[in-house]
Every structure is written in C-alpha cells, then in structure tokens.
C-alpha cells in the first residue's frame, strides 16, 4: 500500500486515482468514483475504496438521507409485521369462537337424569290412563257382589233398592258418593258409606238412627233421634221418654235443648225419665216414671247439672231443683 500524502496534492492524487479506470481483472467497489455518495457537505472528502476496506460497518458511513430512508423502511416493516400479527391473532380468535359456537354443549348429568325421570313419568301416566280406560269400559272389574253392613231395623233389601247398583257395572263407573246419598235418604239411616272392593265387590255400610224421644201425633207415635229428626212412625221402645214441645224438629231450639238434656243424663237416670217438657229453652223439666219432677232450667252447665241430679235422686223427695248447680235442692 502506497501512503497518501497530506495537503492539496494528496487530495488531487486521490481524486485522480478515483477517476482512473480500474485495471483489468479488478472490481471497482460500489460507491467509489464520482457517483459515490457524500458523507457530509460538498467540502468534505469522498469515501474511497480504501476507506470501505478499513471500516466493515457500512451503516456508519451512510448519509443522513439514506439512513432516514432505511429507518423509515424498517419502521414500516415493523408496523406491517405488527399488523399482520394482530390480524392473525384476531382471525384465530374469530375462528376459535365460531368453532366453539358450532360445537354442541355437553348436556349436564343432572339434566339427563331429569329428562329420564320426566320420560318415565310420562310413560307411567300414559299407562295409568290406558289402564283406567280399560277398567272403566270393560267388565274386568265389575260389581258382582254387593255387601251391606250395619242393618238392624232397616233391611238389606231396603238398602239395595235405595242404592240402585246394577250388577256387572264396572266399579269405576259407580259413583260412590251418589250411592251413599241415596242410601242415606232412608228415614231410619243416619249416614251411609259406599266403598269399592276390588276386584268385584261394593261395600255399603250404614248407621241407623237411634230413637231418643217419642211424640204422639194423630197418625201415631213419631220417633225422634238425638238431632231432632222424625225418622219413623212406629210403636216406641218401652223406656223411651215422651217429648213435649210445640214444634218438634231439627230446626226447633226447644227440641234441640230438650234432646241435649236427655243426652247428658247418666244411663241410670235416663232410664227413669218418662217425659221431657220444654215450653222454652229456659224452662226445661223432667218427669220421672215414678212421678218425681226435676226442674232443670236452661241448658247452661248441663254436665254439672246431670252430675248433681244423679246424687240428689238418692235422697227422698218429690221435686229436685238443679237449675242452679251450685245450690241444688230437694223438696217434698
């Protein structure tokens, strides 16, 4: 290498050397000669091939414009890469969302169990309806036997006639409520109950009215139960007391008061009563079969009065006053 001389002569020599054609077989580096870019103002020295060889970092010798263009290009490339990455991320997210929406959601175990139970419930309901229709319209379970329980004065035939159950009728077609109402309409029947007994029977249970008092009428003696119902016209039992009221019946207050007193008496006392009179609810009197008289008064404290009377009747006398149970008296 030939050392360069300092001074103006050296600059001229360098310029001549740069303008001189390259020897055959040698390659002239880009940027040498007149077309080489300048690194500063016009007064500064141009780059030479010798300078490029001595400094491998080409970026240090770029001019401001080229460096600015390169940096802008790098920024644009970086922004483009960032946009591409963001676009790819959004596209992946969109595809993932559409894929998740397209996939069917797994059914919870509880929901499957609930659907199974609902299905079985529907199946059983349909089976029950079908079975009910079969039993309702076919004689598979029909009334071939009618059982009557509780008869005494009322006969079995009276109950069957009132029930009006046709043999062979499917049990489900028998309205037990209506049959019970028809049987209870018998005067001597206080209440009735009708039951289906599968596979082929109907059971009718009755409770007869019990006479508690009797009242004479032109057509004969009428029997009254504890509710004041006139249920029969027949000879009374020997120990039945007579009822003396103006308008006997279940809606008459005097009738209800007199029968309430008879129902409260001890059995040993009730058997001695021959007549009960109730001109009003406040003046009830009892006449015993031996002629003794009991002044009862009102229906207040009836249980206490019945207890006091049972004790007083052990004492001799003709009139027993229990209208005031705190001060019962015996006269005569």
Foldseek 3Di string as FASTA:
>chain_A
DDDFDDDPVSLVVVLVVQQDDDDPPDDADPQTHPPHDAADDPVDRGDHPVNCVVDVPVVVRDHPVVVVVVVVVVVVVVVVVVVVVVVVVVVVVVVVVVVVVPDDDDDDPVVVVVVVVVVVVVVVVVVVVVVVVCLQPDLQAWAQEEAEAADDPDDPVLLCVQLVGDGSHRPVVRDQVVSFVSSCPQLQWPGKGWDDDPRHHIYIYTHGFDFQEWEADPVAIFTAGLQQRRRDHDDDDPQHAHEAEDDTGNPDPQNNLQSVLLVLADPVVNSQFRYWYGPDQQWIKTAGPVGAIETQGHCPPSNLLNVQVVVVVVDDARYWYCVPSVDIDGHD
